[in-house]
Amino acid sequence: MRPLIWEDEGLQVLDQRRLPAELIYETCCTAEAVADAISAMRVRGAPAIGIAAAYGVVLAARQRLAQTPTGWREAMEADLERLARSRPTAVNLFWALDRMRAVLREDTPDPAGRLLREAIAIHEADIAANRRMGELGAEYLRDAQGILTHCNTGSLATGGYGTALGVIRSACRQRAKAIFATETRPWSQGARLTVWELNQDRIPATLIADSAAALLMRSGRVQWVIVGADRIAANGDTANKIGTYALAVAARHHGVRFMVVAPMSTVDWHTGQGGDIAIEERDSRELLAEPFLAADSVIGAWNPVFDVTPAELIDVIVTERGVVERPDRDAMRRLLT
């Protein structure tokens, strides 16, 4: 399943809010439409967000070249800024925009075509990276009988195949595993998306409430927790879907190992530690229901989308460049050598 498909008329975006009930693609013909799809979580998952943003730059170039042939680069700045504001925590977004900005500085007779080739290269490289991470991570799971995953980190969150879910796919091809997935409130990405993806691949899995995870670990039925990441700081601290930090604390207490799987584009070398990562907070209405939405209600809601797991609670970080065991600043830097 591909969440993003490029066609001549624009970017086909799978509306993930409608899954699993409906499989509907919408066509984004402008950068504004792509940014809106990211903000509204029709596109989600850090790698997929970066890929979508790259295609959004292509659409912006097409539009601006047609409108202002002599000043199109300057006119595109508003489009790039709008894309950058769409999801501030996902560092892949800024990584992809930086790559596209580098292409914009080139002197080429066909700038829109050159930008499209770069966006496609970003997309294809992500799929290749996912498969490589799947192989590397699966090696750690040979003796594991049970695996717990959080949120959705599969094809829907990436260019294809998946990060943490890609590792699970690869591990299950080698040997049958007991797979558990959290619901992942409040958007229920685990209940709506992860188990749907696993079912498409005919990989048996068990869905659990988020609050059942610690009891599951205590039962001894899982040996690994595997998650993705939206941003990894230079010291290995990792921002991911809200609830990840609690899983890491519970895993350490119960002797369950903890794996983060993410491409190198998710590592933010300019952010020294997790405390420097800005945590996105979304509208309280995503949590509140009637009667608390009434005008005279005194009930509010705190709705952070991510939390940060300290590196000392992470056993392994898997990237396409290699695996970091017991991550810290020095271990992370070895990925660059």
C-alpha atoms as a PDB file:
ATOM      1  CA  MET A   1       0.000   0.000   0.000  1.00  0.00           C
ATOM      2  CA  ARG A   2       1.403   3.396  -1.017  1.00  0.00           C
ATOM      3  CA  PRO A   3       0.158   6.526   0.764  1.00  0.00           C
ATOM      4  CA  LEU A   4       1.564   8.786  -1.972  1.00  0.00           C
ATOM      5  CA  ILE A   5       1.410   8.295  -5.748  1.00  0.00           C
ATOM      6  CA  TRP A   6       2.735  10.880  -8.198  1.00  0.00           C
ATOM      7  CA  GLU A   7       0.779  11.415 -11.409  1.00  0.00           C
ATOM      8  CA  ASP A   8       1.014  14.114 -14.059  1.00  0.00           C
ATOM      9  CA  GLU A   9      -1.943  16.042 -12.679  1.00  0.00           C
ATOM     10  CA  GLY A  10      -0.558  16.091  -9.142  1.00  0.00           C
ATOM     11  CA  LEU A  11       0.110  14.103  -5.981  1.00  0.00           C
ATOM     12  CA  GLN A  12      -2.376  11.376  -5.119  1.00  0.00           C
ATOM     13  CA  VAL A  13      -2.733  11.299  -1.331  1.00  0.00           C
ATOM     14  CA  LEU A  14      -4.397   8.427   0.492  1.00  0.00           C
ATOM     15  CA  ASP A  15      -6.715   9.939   3.103  1.00  0.00           C
ATOM     16  CA  GLN A  16      -5.623   7.942   6.138  1.00  0.00           C
ATOM     17  CA  ARG A  17      -8.332   9.408   8.341  1.00  0.00           C
ATOM     18  CA  ARG A  18     -10.887   7.337   6.432  1.00  0.00           C
ATOM     19  CA  LEU A  19      -9.095   4.011   6.815  1.00  0.00           C
ATOM     20  CA  PRO A  20      -9.958   1.241   7.264  1.00  0.00           C
ATOM     21  CA  ALA A  21     -13.578   1.921   6.264  1.00  0.00           C
ATOM     22  CA  GLU A  22     -12.759   3.676   2.990  1.00  0.00           C
ATOM     23  CA  LEU A  23      -9.767   3.592   0.632  1.00  0.00           C
ATOM     24  CA  ILE A  24      -9.865   7.045  -0.969  1.00  0.00           C
ATOM     25  CA  TYR A  25      -7.147   9.012  -2.734  1.00  0.00           C
ATOM     26  CA  GLU A  26      -7.422  12.754  -3.287  1.00  0.00           C
ATOM     27  CA  THR A  27      -5.429  14.757  -5.829  1.00  0.00           C
ATOM     28  CA  CYS A  28      -3.294  17.623  -4.505  1.00  0.00           C
ATOM     29  CA  CYS A  29      -2.491  20.053  -7.320  1.00  0.00           C
ATOM     30  CA  THR A  30      -0.845  22.814  -5.258  1.00  0.00           C
ATOM     31  CA  ALA A  31       1.667  23.146  -2.447  1.00  0.00           C
ATOM     32  CA  GLU A  32      -1.107  24.577  -0.287  1.00  0.00           C
ATOM     33  CA  ALA A  33      -3.170  21.416  -0.784  1.00  0.00           C
ATOM     34  CA  VAL A  34      -0.188  19.230   0.178  1.00  0.00           C
ATOM     35  CA  ALA A  35       0.474  21.321   3.298  1.00  0.00           C
ATOM     36  CA  ASP A  36      -3.176  21.048   4.269  1.00  0.00           C
ATOM     37  CA  ALA A  37      -3.099  17.260   3.797  1.00  0.00           C
ATOM     38  CA  ILE A  38      -0.101  17.078   6.145  1.00  0.00           C
ATOM     39  CA  SER A  39      -1.596  19.420   8.756  1.00  0.00           C
ATOM     40  CA  ALA A  40      -4.920  17.573   8.746  1.00  0.00           C
ATOM     41  CA  MET A  41      -3.132  14.190   9.077  1.00  0.00           C
ATOM     42  CA  ARG A  42      -4.388  12.835   5.802  1.00  0.00           C
ATOM     43  CA  VAL A  43      -0.670  12.280   5.324  1.00  0.00           C
ATOM     44  CA  ARG A  44       1.148  11.185   8.485  1.00  0.00           C
ATOM     45  CA  GLY A  45       4.372   9.487   9.495  1.00  0.00           C
ATOM     46  CA  ALA A  46       7.653  11.413   9.381  1.00  0.00           C
ATOM     47  CA  PRO A  47       9.105   9.813   6.215  1.00  0.00           C
ATOM     48  CA  ALA A  48       5.827  10.159   4.305  1.00  0.00           C
ATOM     49  CA  ILE A  49       5.537  13.794   5.408  1.00  0.00           C
ATOM     50  CA  GLY A  50       8.989  14.542   3.998  1.00  0.00           C
ATOM     51  CA  ILE A  51       8.188  12.833   0.704  1.00  0.00           C
ATOM     52  CA  ALA A  52       4.872  14.666   0.392  1.00  0.00           C
ATOM     53  CA  ALA A  53       6.594  17.992   1.061  1.00  0.00           C
ATOM     54  CA  ALA A  54       9.127  17.286  -1.710  1.00  0.00           C
ATOM     55  CA  TYR A  55       6.314  16.732  -4.183  1.00  0.00           C
ATOM     56  CA  GLY A  56       4.654  19.870  -2.809  1.00  0.00           C
ATOM     57  CA  VAL A  57       7.718  21.865  -3.897  1.00  0.00           C
ATOM     58  CA  VAL A  58       7.331  20.452  -7.410  1.00  0.00           C
ATOM     59  CA  LEU A  59       3.726  21.609  -7.507  1.00  0.00           C
ATOM     60  CA  ALA A  60       4.722  25.048  -6.223  1.00  0.00           C
ATOM     61  CA  ALA A  61       7.363  25.385  -8.943  1.00  0.00           C
ATOM     62  CA  ARG A  62       4.874  24.454 -11.654  1.00  0.00           C
ATOM     63  CA  GLN A  63       2.380  27.015 -10.406  1.00  0.00           C
ATOM     64  CA  ARG A  64       4.881  29.845  -9.858  1.00  0.00           C
ATOM     65  CA  LEU A  65       6.650  29.284 -13.188  1.00  0.00           C
ATOM     66  CA  ALA A  66       3.312  29.663 -14.936  1.00  0.00           C
ATOM     67  CA  GLN A  67       2.361  32.778 -12.971  1.00  0.00           C
ATOM     68  CA  THR A  68       5.664  34.683 -12.678  1.00  0.00           C
ATOM     69  CA  PRO A  69       8.286  33.278 -15.082  1.00  0.00           C
ATOM     70  CA  THR A  70      10.926  35.845 -14.084  1.00  0.00           C
ATOM     71  CA  GLY A  71      10.418  35.865 -10.309  1.00  0.00           C
ATOM     72  CA  TRP A  72       9.181  32.378  -9.617  1.00  0.00           C
ATOM     73  CA  ARG A  73      11.914  31.447  -7.121  1.00  0.00           C
ATOM     74  CA  GLU A  74      11.127  34.412  -4.919  1.00  0.00           C
ATOM     75  CA  ALA A  75       7.402  33.716  -5.210  1.00  0.00           C
ATOM     76  CA  MET A  76       7.984  30.129  -4.029  1.00  0.00           C
ATOM     77  CA  GLU A  77       9.239  31.214  -0.604  1.00  0.00           C
ATOM     78  CA  ALA A  78       5.661  31.519   0.674  1.00  0.00           C
ATOM     79  CA  ASP A  79       4.961  27.951  -0.490  1.00  0.00           C
ATOM     80  CA  LEU A  80       8.072  26.600   1.205  1.00  0.00           C
ATOM     81  CA  GLU A  81       7.206  28.381   4.434  1.00  0.00           C
ATOM     82  CA  ARG A  82       3.661  27.008   4.351  1.00  0.00           C
ATOM     83  CA  LEU A  83       4.967  23.467   3.889  1.00  0.00           C
ATOM     84  CA  ALA A  84       7.452  23.950   6.744  1.00  0.00           C
ATOM     85  CA  ARG A  85       4.657  24.966   9.126  1.00  0.00           C
ATOM     86  CA  SER A  86       2.507  21.920   8.398  1.00  0.00           C
ATOM     87  CA  ARG A  87       4.040  19.574  11.055  1.00  0.00           C
ATOM     88  CA  PRO A  88       6.875  21.143  13.083  1.00  0.00           C
ATOM     89  CA  THR A  89       8.147  18.061  14.953  1.00  0.00           C
ATOM     90  CA  ALA A  90       8.808  15.792  11.944  1.00  0.00           C
ATOM     91  CA  VAL A  91      12.412  16.610  11.019  1.00  0.00           C
ATOM     92  CA  ASN A  92      12.104  14.653   7.744  1.00  0.00           C
ATOM     93  CA  LEU A  93       9.931  17.518   6.545  1.00  0.00           C
ATOM     94  CA  PHE A  94      12.761  20.044   6.900  1.00  0.00           C
ATOM     95  CA  TRP A  95      15.349  17.585   5.584  1.00  0.00           C
ATOM     96  CA  ALA A  96      13.320  17.115   2.396  1.00  0.00           C
ATOM     97  CA  LEU A  97      12.727  20.855   1.999  1.00  0.00           C
ATOM     98  CA  ASP A  98      16.465  21.498   2.372  1.00  0.00           C
ATOM     99  CA  ARG A  99      17.182  19.018  -0.414  1.00  0.00           C
ATOM    100  CA  MET A 100      14.622  20.671  -2.649  1.00  0.00           C
ATOM    101  CA  ARG A 101      16.008  24.134  -1.839  1.00  0.00           C
ATOM    102  CA  ALA A 102      19.439  22.950  -2.979  1.00  0.00           C
ATOM    103  CA  VAL A 103      17.929  21.971  -6.329  1.00  0.00           C
ATOM    104  CA  LEU A 104      16.181  25.341  -6.558  1.00  0.00           C
ATOM    105  CA  ARG A 105      19.598  27.013  -6.451  1.00  0.00           C
ATOM    106  CA  GLU A 106      20.739  25.096  -9.535  1.00  0.00           C
ATOM    107  CA  ASP A 107      20.750  26.728 -12.958  1.00  0.00           C
ATOM    108  CA  THR A 108      18.771  24.316 -15.131  1.00  0.00           C
ATOM    109  CA  PRO A 109      16.661  24.800 -18.261  1.00  0.00           C
ATOM    110  CA  ASP A 110      13.858  22.645 -16.797  1.00  0.00           C
ATOM    111  CA  PRO A 111      13.593  23.480 -13.076  1.00  0.00           C
ATOM    112  CA  ALA A 112      10.209  21.785 -12.557  1.00  0.00           C
ATOM    113  CA  GLY A 113      11.456  18.597 -14.189  1.00  0.00           C
ATOM    114  CA  ARG A 114      14.660  18.657 -12.153  1.00  0.00           C
ATOM    115  CA  LEU A 115      12.673  19.145  -8.931  1.00  0.00           C
ATOM    116  CA  LEU A 116      10.404  16.242  -9.841  1.00  0.00           C
ATOM    117  CA  ARG A 117      13.383  13.948 -10.381  1.00  0.00           C
ATOM    118  CA  GLU A 118      14.701  14.919  -6.939  1.00  0.00           C
ATOM    119  CA  ALA A 119      11.333  14.253  -5.275  1.00  0.00           C
ATOM    120  CA  ILE A 120      11.129  10.851  -6.941  1.00  0.00           C
ATOM    121  CA  ALA A 121      14.692  10.092  -5.808  1.00  0.00           C
ATOM    122  CA  ILE A 122      13.738  10.968  -2.213  1.00  0.00           C
ATOM    123  CA  HIS A 123      10.702   8.683  -2.473  1.00  0.00           C
ATOM    124  CA  GLU A 124      12.613   5.735  -3.954  1.00  0.00           C
ATOM    125  CA  ALA A 125      15.498   6.102  -1.503  1.00  0.00           C
ATOM    126  CA  ASP A 126      13.074   5.918   1.431  1.00  0.00           C
ATOM    127  CA  ILE A 127      11.661   2.602   0.206  1.00  0.00           C
ATOM    128  CA  ALA A 128      15.166   1.176  -0.194  1.00  0.00           C
ATOM    129  CA  ALA A 129      16.136   2.438   3.270  1.00  0.00           C
ATOM    130  CA  ASN A 130      13.065   0.809   4.808  1.00  0.00           C
ATOM    131  CA  ARG A 131      13.930  -2.578   3.369  1.00  0.00           C
ATOM    132  CA  ARG A 132      17.516  -2.268   4.581  1.00  0.00           C
ATOM    133  CA  MET A 133      16.341  -1.337   8.086  1.00  0.00           C
ATOM    134  CA  GLY A 134      13.956  -4.283   7.999  1.00  0.00           C
ATOM    135  CA  GLU A 135      16.863  -6.649   7.430  1.00  0.00           C
ATOM    136  CA  LEU A 136      19.093  -5.076  10.084  1.00  0.00           C
ATOM    137  CA  GLY A 137      16.409  -4.892  12.756  1.00  0.00           C
ATOM    138  CA  ALA A 138      15.102  -8.408  12.156  1.00  0.00           C
ATOM    139  CA  GLU A 139      18.487  -9.820  13.128  1.00  0.00           C
ATOM    140  CA  TYR A 140      17.840  -8.714  16.725  1.00  0.00           C
ATOM    141  CA  LEU A 141      14.490 -10.499  16.831  1.00  0.00           C
ATOM    142  CA  ARG A 142      15.514 -14.035  15.924  1.00  0.00           C
ATOM    143  CA  ASP A 143      14.921 -15.370  19.442  1.00  0.00           C
ATOM    144  CA  ALA A 144      11.986 -13.094  20.285  1.00  0.00           C
ATOM    145  CA  GLN A 145       8.597 -14.734  20.635  1.00  0.00           C
ATOM    146  CA  GLY A 146       6.537 -11.572  21.081  1.00  0.00           C
ATOM    147  CA  ILE A 147       6.808  -7.981  19.805  1.00  0.00           C
ATOM    148  CA  LEU A 148       4.827  -4.884  20.760  1.00  0.00           C
ATOM    149  CA  THR A 149       4.565  -1.877  18.432  1.00  0.00           C
ATOM    150  CA  HIS A 150       3.032   1.568  18.896  1.00  0.00           C
ATOM    151  CA  CYS A 151       1.315   3.927  16.440  1.00  0.00           C
ATOM    152  CA  ASN A 152       1.675   3.161  12.701  1.00  0.00           C
ATOM    153  CA  THR A 153       5.114   2.808  11.164  1.00  0.00           C
ATOM    154  CA  GLY A 154       4.330   0.800   8.054  1.00  0.00           C
ATOM    155  CA  SER A 155       3.869   1.529   4.373  1.00  0.00           C
ATOM    156  CA  LEU A 156       1.265   4.148   5.226  1.00  0.00           C
ATOM    157  CA  ALA A 157       3.778   6.213   7.225  1.00  0.00           C
ATOM    158  CA  THR A 158       6.653   5.960   4.731  1.00  0.00           C
ATOM    159  CA  GLY A 159       7.377   5.694   1.035  1.00  0.00           C
ATOM    160  CA  GLY A 160       6.606   1.981   1.329  1.00  0.00           C
ATOM    161  CA  TYR A 161       7.320  -1.127   3.481  1.00  0.00           C
ATOM    162  CA  GLY A 162       7.797   0.752   6.763  1.00  0.00           C
ATOM    163  CA  THR A 163      10.294   1.475   9.524  1.00  0.00           C
ATOM    164  CA  ALA A 164       9.387  -0.366  12.751  1.00  0.00           C
ATOM    165  CA  LEU A 165       6.639  -2.270  10.950  1.00  0.00           C
ATOM    166  CA  GLY A 166       9.123  -3.041   8.193  1.00  0.00           C
ATOM    167  CA  VAL A 167      11.334  -4.735  10.786  1.00  0.00           C
ATOM    168  CA  ILE A 168       8.311  -6.707  11.970  1.00  0.00           C
ATOM    169  CA  ARG A 169       7.472  -7.708   8.392  1.00  0.00           C
ATOM    170  CA  SER A 170      11.026  -8.922   7.826  1.00  0.00           C
ATOM    171  CA  ALA A 171      11.119 -10.768  11.160  1.00  0.00           C
ATOM    172  CA  CYS A 172       7.828 -12.520  10.459  1.00  0.00           C
ATOM    173  CA  ARG A 173       9.101 -13.718   7.088  1.00  0.00           C
ATOM    174  CA  GLN A 174      11.959 -15.441   8.905  1.00  0.00           C
ATOM    175  CA  ARG A 175       9.893 -16.975  11.701  1.00  0.00           C
ATOM    176  CA  ALA A 176       6.386 -16.637  13.131  1.00  0.00           C
ATOM    177  CA  LYS A 177       6.101 -14.078  15.930  1.00  0.00           C
ATOM    178  CA  ALA A 178       3.336 -12.972  18.254  1.00  0.00           C
ATOM    179  CA  ILE A 179       2.668  -9.350  17.233  1.00  0.00           C
ATOM    180  CA  PHE A 180       0.837  -6.908  19.506  1.00  0.00           C
ATOM    181  CA  ALA A 181      -0.220  -3.392  18.532  1.00  0.00           C
ATOM    182  CA  THR A 182      -1.465  -0.600  20.768  1.00  0.00           C
ATOM    183  CA  GLU A 183      -4.583   1.334  19.812  1.00  0.00           C
ATOM    184  CA  THR A 184      -2.541   4.580  19.960  1.00  0.00           C
ATOM    185  CA  ARG A 185      -5.045   7.164  21.126  1.00  0.00           C
ATOM    186  CA  PRO A 186      -6.377   9.715  20.386  1.00  0.00           C
ATOM    187  CA  TRP A 187      -6.212   9.120  16.599  1.00  0.00           C
ATOM    188  CA  SER A 188      -6.105   5.308  16.945  1.00  0.00           C
ATOM    189  CA  GLN A 189      -3.393   4.824  14.332  1.00  0.00           C
ATOM    190  CA  GLY A 190      -2.687   1.366  15.723  1.00  0.00           C
ATOM    191  CA  ALA A 191      -6.320   0.269  15.730  1.00  0.00           C
ATOM    192  CA  ARG A 192      -7.166   1.810  12.357  1.00  0.00           C
ATOM    193  CA  LEU A 193      -3.936   1.510  10.406  1.00  0.00           C
ATOM    194  CA  THR A 194      -1.336  -0.874  11.864  1.00  0.00           C
ATOM    195  CA  VAL A 195      -3.577  -3.894  12.302  1.00  0.00           C
ATOM    196  CA  TRP A 196      -5.185  -3.114   8.920  1.00  0.00           C
ATOM    197  CA  GLU A 197      -1.737  -3.210   7.260  1.00  0.00           C
ATOM    198  CA  LEU A 198      -0.809  -6.424   9.038  1.00  0.00           C
ATOM    199  CA  ASN A 199      -4.089  -7.985   7.983  1.00  0.00           C
ATOM    200  CA  GLN A 200      -3.395  -7.006   4.369  1.00  0.00           C
ATOM    201  CA  ASP A 201      -0.118  -8.955   4.636  1.00  0.00           C
ATOM    202  CA  ARG A 202      -1.919 -11.808   6.453  1.00  0.00           C
ATOM    203  CA  ILE A 203       0.331 -11.379   9.493  1.00  0.00           C
ATOM    204  CA  PRO A 204      -1.670 -12.346  12.617  1.00  0.00           C
ATOM    205  CA  ALA A 205      -1.666  -9.660  15.312  1.00  0.00           C
ATOM    206  CA  THR A 206      -3.403  -8.775  18.565  1.00  0.00           C
ATOM    207  CA  LEU A 207      -4.713  -5.288  19.277  1.00  0.00           C
ATOM    208  CA  ILE A 208      -4.483  -4.017  22.861  1.00  0.00           C
ATOM    209  CA  ALA A 209      -5.592  -0.889  24.693  1.00  0.00           C
ATOM    210  CA  ASP A 210      -2.731   1.528  25.327  1.00  0.00           C
ATOM    211  CA  SER A 211      -3.230   1.064  29.062  1.00  0.00           C
ATOM    212  CA  ALA A 212      -2.748  -2.729  28.777  1.00  0.00           C
ATOM    213  CA  ALA A 213       0.866  -2.511  27.602  1.00  0.00           C
ATOM    214  CA  ALA A 214       2.547  -2.735  31.015  1.00  0.00           C
ATOM    215  CA  LEU A 215       0.455  -5.758  31.998  1.00  0.00           C
ATOM    216  CA  LEU A 216       1.372  -7.417  28.696  1.00  0.00           C
ATOM    217  CA  MET A 217       5.061  -6.874  29.442  1.00  0.00           C
ATOM    218  CA  ARG A 218       4.675  -8.239  32.941  1.00  0.00           C
ATOM    219  CA  SER A 219       3.117 -11.406  31.496  1.00  0.00           C
ATOM    220  CA  GLY A 220       6.350 -12.202  29.656  1.00  0.00           C
ATOM    221  CA  ARG A 221       4.625 -12.440  26.277  1.00  0.00           C
ATOM    222  CA  VAL A 222       6.772  -9.768  24.614  1.00  0.00           C
ATOM    223  CA  GLN A 223      10.550  -9.427  24.515  1.00  0.00           C
ATOM    224  CA  TRP A 224      10.806  -6.288  22.352  1.00  0.00           C
ATOM    225  CA  VAL A 225       8.986  -2.989  21.918  1.00  0.00           C
ATOM    226  CA  ILE A 226       9.612  -1.548  18.433  1.00  0.00           C
ATOM    227  CA  VAL A 227       8.675   2.006  17.455  1.00  0.00           C
ATOM    228  CA  GLY A 228       9.470   4.598  14.812  1.00  0.00           C
ATOM    229  CA  ALA A 229      10.547   8.207  15.317  1.00  0.00           C
ATOM    230  CA  ASP A 230       9.642  11.699  14.194  1.00  0.00           C
ATOM    231  CA  ARG A 231      12.945  13.216  15.311  1.00  0.00           C
ATOM    232  CA  ILE A 232      16.111  11.781  16.862  1.00  0.00           C
ATOM    233  CA  ALA A 233      18.435  14.222  18.620  1.00  0.00           C
ATOM    234  CA  ALA A 234      22.202  14.021  18.224  1.00  0.00           C
ATOM    235  CA  ASN A 235      22.516  12.165  21.550  1.00  0.00           C
ATOM    236  CA  GLY A 236      19.884   9.542  20.662  1.00  0.00           C
ATOM    237  CA  ASP A 237      16.915  11.043  22.531  1.00  0.00           C
ATOM    238  CA  THR A 238      13.871  10.271  20.396  1.00  0.00           C
ATOM    239  CA  ALA A 239      10.615  12.105  19.778  1.00  0.00           C
ATOM    240  CA  ASN A 240       7.779   9.841  18.710  1.00  0.00           C
ATOM    241  CA  LYS A 241       4.023   9.442  19.052  1.00  0.00           C
ATOM    242  CA  ILE A 242       2.651  10.302  22.485  1.00  0.00           C
ATOM    243  CA  GLY A 243       2.795   7.218  24.706  1.00  0.00           C
ATOM    244  CA  THR A 244       6.203   6.054  23.486  1.00  0.00           C
ATOM    245  CA  TYR A 245       7.979   7.385  26.571  1.00  0.00           C
ATOM    246  CA  ALA A 246       5.610   5.493  28.880  1.00  0.00           C
ATOM    247  CA  LEU A 247       6.241   2.288  26.927  1.00  0.00           C
ATOM    248  CA  ALA A 248      10.006   2.763  27.258  1.00  0.00           C
ATOM    249  CA  VAL A 249       9.747   3.261  31.030  1.00  0.00           C
ATOM    250  CA  ALA A 250       7.563   0.178  31.391  1.00  0.00           C
ATOM    251  CA  ALA A 251       9.864  -1.854  29.139  1.00  0.00           C
ATOM    252  CA  ARG A 252      12.928  -1.016  31.201  1.00  0.00           C
ATOM    253  CA  HIS A 253      11.121  -1.951  34.427  1.00  0.00           C
ATOM    254  CA  HIS A 254      10.038  -5.333  33.009  1.00  0.00           C
ATOM    255  CA  GLY A 255      13.291  -6.237  31.254  1.00  0.00           C
ATOM    256  CA  VAL A 256      11.803  -5.824  27.771  1.00  0.00           C
ATOM    257  CA  ARG A 257      14.159  -4.446  25.140  1.00  0.00           C
ATOM    258  CA  PHE A 258      13.339  -1.265  23.237  1.00  0.00           C
ATOM    259  CA  MET A 259      14.111  -0.572  19.553  1.00  0.00           C
ATOM    260  CA  VAL A 260      13.713   2.631  17.527  1.00  0.00           C
ATOM    261  CA  VAL A 261      13.695   2.302  13.735  1.00  0.00           C
ATOM    262  CA  ALA A 262      14.104   5.396  11.557  1.00  0.00           C
ATOM    263  CA  PRO A 263      16.001   6.541   8.461  1.00  0.00           C
ATOM    264  CA  MET A 264      18.998   8.835   8.708  1.00  0.00           C
ATOM    265  CA  SER A 265      16.802  11.718   7.546  1.00  0.00           C
ATOM    266  CA  THR A 266      15.071  11.527  10.951  1.00  0.00           C
ATOM    267  CA  VAL A 267      18.310  12.233  12.850  1.00  0.00           C
ATOM    268  CA  ASP A 268      18.558  15.939  13.629  1.00  0.00           C
ATOM    269  CA  TRP A 269      22.254  16.606  14.173  1.00  0.00           C
ATOM    270  CA  HIS A 270      21.519  20.255  14.968  1.00  0.00           C
ATOM    271  CA  THR A 271      19.405  19.313  17.994  1.00  0.00           C
ATOM    272  CA  GLY A 272      21.688  18.255  20.812  1.00  0.00           C
ATOM    273  CA  GLN A 273      19.184  16.572  23.133  1.00  0.00           C
ATOM    274  CA  GLY A 274      15.533  15.729  23.467  1.00  0.00           C
ATOM    275  CA  GLY A 275      14.771  18.699  25.670  1.00  0.00           C
ATOM    276  CA  ASP A 276      15.464  20.940  22.670  1.00  0.00           C
ATOM    277  CA  ILE A 277      12.777  19.294  20.521  1.00  0.00           C
ATOM    278  CA  ALA A 278       9.610  21.348  20.140  1.00  0.00           C
ATOM    279  CA  ILE A 279       6.580  19.171  20.903  1.00  0.00           C
ATOM    280  CA  GLU A 280       3.540  19.831  18.738  1.00  0.00           C
ATOM    281  CA  GLU A 281       0.231  20.289  20.532  1.00  0.00           C
ATOM    282  CA  ARG A 282      -2.978  19.845  18.568  1.00  0.00           C
ATOM    283  CA  ASP A 283      -6.498  21.192  19.011  1.00  0.00           C
ATOM    284  CA  SER A 284      -8.151  20.160  22.289  1.00  0.00           C
ATOM    285  CA  ARG A 285     -11.290  19.299  20.320  1.00  0.00           C
ATOM    286  CA  GLU A 286      -9.539  16.136  19.140  1.00  0.00           C
ATOM    287  CA  LEU A 287      -9.892  14.861  22.727  1.00  0.00           C
ATOM    288  CA  LEU A 288     -13.047  16.512  23.991  1.00  0.00           C
ATOM    289  CA  ALA A 289     -16.543  15.298  23.208  1.00  0.00           C
ATOM    290  CA  GLU A 290     -20.024  16.600  24.014  1.00  0.00           C
ATOM    291  CA  PRO A 291     -21.024  18.030  26.446  1.00  0.00           C
ATOM    292  CA  PHE A 292     -17.531  19.431  27.056  1.00  0.00           C
ATOM    293  CA  LEU A 293     -17.514  21.330  23.751  1.00  0.00           C
ATOM    294  CA  ALA A 294     -20.459  23.437  24.871  1.00  0.00           C
ATOM    295  CA  ALA A 295     -19.766  27.156  25.080  1.00  0.00           C
ATOM    296  CA  ASP A 296     -20.179  27.257  28.866  1.00  0.00           C
ATOM    297  CA  SER A 297     -17.982  24.209  29.600  1.00  0.00           C
ATOM    298  CA  VAL A 298     -15.083  24.673  32.016  1.00  0.00           C
ATOM    299  CA  ILE A 299     -13.348  21.463  30.825  1.00  0.00           C
ATOM    300  CA  GLY A 300     -10.215  21.800  28.723  1.00  0.00           C
ATOM    301  CA  ALA A 301      -7.773  19.285  27.280  1.00  0.00           C
ATOM    302  CA  TRP A 302      -4.021  18.977  26.879  1.00  0.00           C
ATOM    303  CA  ASN A 303      -3.226  17.293  23.563  1.00  0.00           C
ATOM    304  CA  PRO A 304       0.529  16.845  22.936  1.00  0.00           C
ATOM    305  CA  VAL A 305       1.106  14.706  19.854  1.00  0.00           C
ATOM    306  CA  PHE A 306       4.607  13.497  20.729  1.00  0.00           C
ATOM    307  CA  ASP A 307       6.810  12.784  23.716  1.00  0.00           C
ATOM    308  CA  VAL A 308      10.562  12.294  24.046  1.00  0.00           C
ATOM    309  CA  THR A 309      12.181   9.026  25.113  1.00  0.00           C
ATOM    310  CA  PRO A 310      15.658   9.505  26.655  1.00  0.00           C
ATOM    311  CA  ALA A 311      18.444   7.610  24.932  1.00  0.00           C
ATOM    312  CA  GLU A 312      19.244   5.682  28.115  1.00  0.00           C
ATOM    313  CA  LEU A 313      15.882   3.891  27.803  1.00  0.00           C
ATOM    314  CA  ILE A 314      16.611   2.806  24.212  1.00  0.00           C
ATOM    315  CA  ASP A 315      18.530  -0.411  23.565  1.00  0.00           C
ATOM    316  CA  VAL A 316      18.919  -0.138  19.795  1.00  0.00           C
ATOM    317  CA  ILE A 317      18.428   2.500  17.108  1.00  0.00           C
ATOM    318  CA  VAL A 318      18.220   1.015  13.604  1.00  0.00           C
ATOM    319  CA  THR A 319      18.966   3.140  10.534  1.00  0.00           C
ATOM    320  CA  GLU A 320      19.796   2.244   6.936  1.00  0.00           C
ATOM    321  CA  ARG A 321      23.406   3.239   7.667  1.00  0.00           C
ATOM    322  CA  GLY A 322      23.720   0.816  10.562  1.00  0.00           C
ATOM    323  CA  VAL A 323      22.618  -0.033  14.083  1.00  0.00           C
ATOM    324  CA  VAL A 324      23.454   1.929  17.230  1.00  0.00           C
ATOM    325  CA  GLU A 325      23.426  -0.106  20.432  1.00  0.00           C
ATOM    326  CA  ARG A 326      23.142   1.749  23.755  1.00  0.00           C
ATOM    327  CA  PRO A 327      22.872   5.091  21.957  1.00  0.00           C
ATOM    328  CA  ASP A 328      24.618   8.207  23.179  1.00  0.00           C
ATOM    329  CA  ARG A 329      26.271  11.129  21.412  1.00  0.00           C
ATOM    330  CA  ASP A 330      29.473   9.244  20.522  1.00  0.00           C
ATOM    331  CA  ALA A 331      27.643   6.121  19.349  1.00  0.00           C
ATOM    332  CA  MET A 332      25.337   8.211  17.173  1.00  0.00           C
ATOM    333  CA  ARG A 333      28.255  10.048  15.559  1.00  0.00           C
ATOM    334  CA  ARG A 334      29.685   6.747  14.380  1.00  0.00           C
ATOM    335  CA  LEU A 335      26.790   6.535  11.925  1.00  0.00           C
ATOM    336  CA  LEU A 336      28.484   9.328   9.978  1.00  0.00           C
ATOM    337  CA  THR A 337      31.801   7.503   9.509  1.00  0.00           C
END
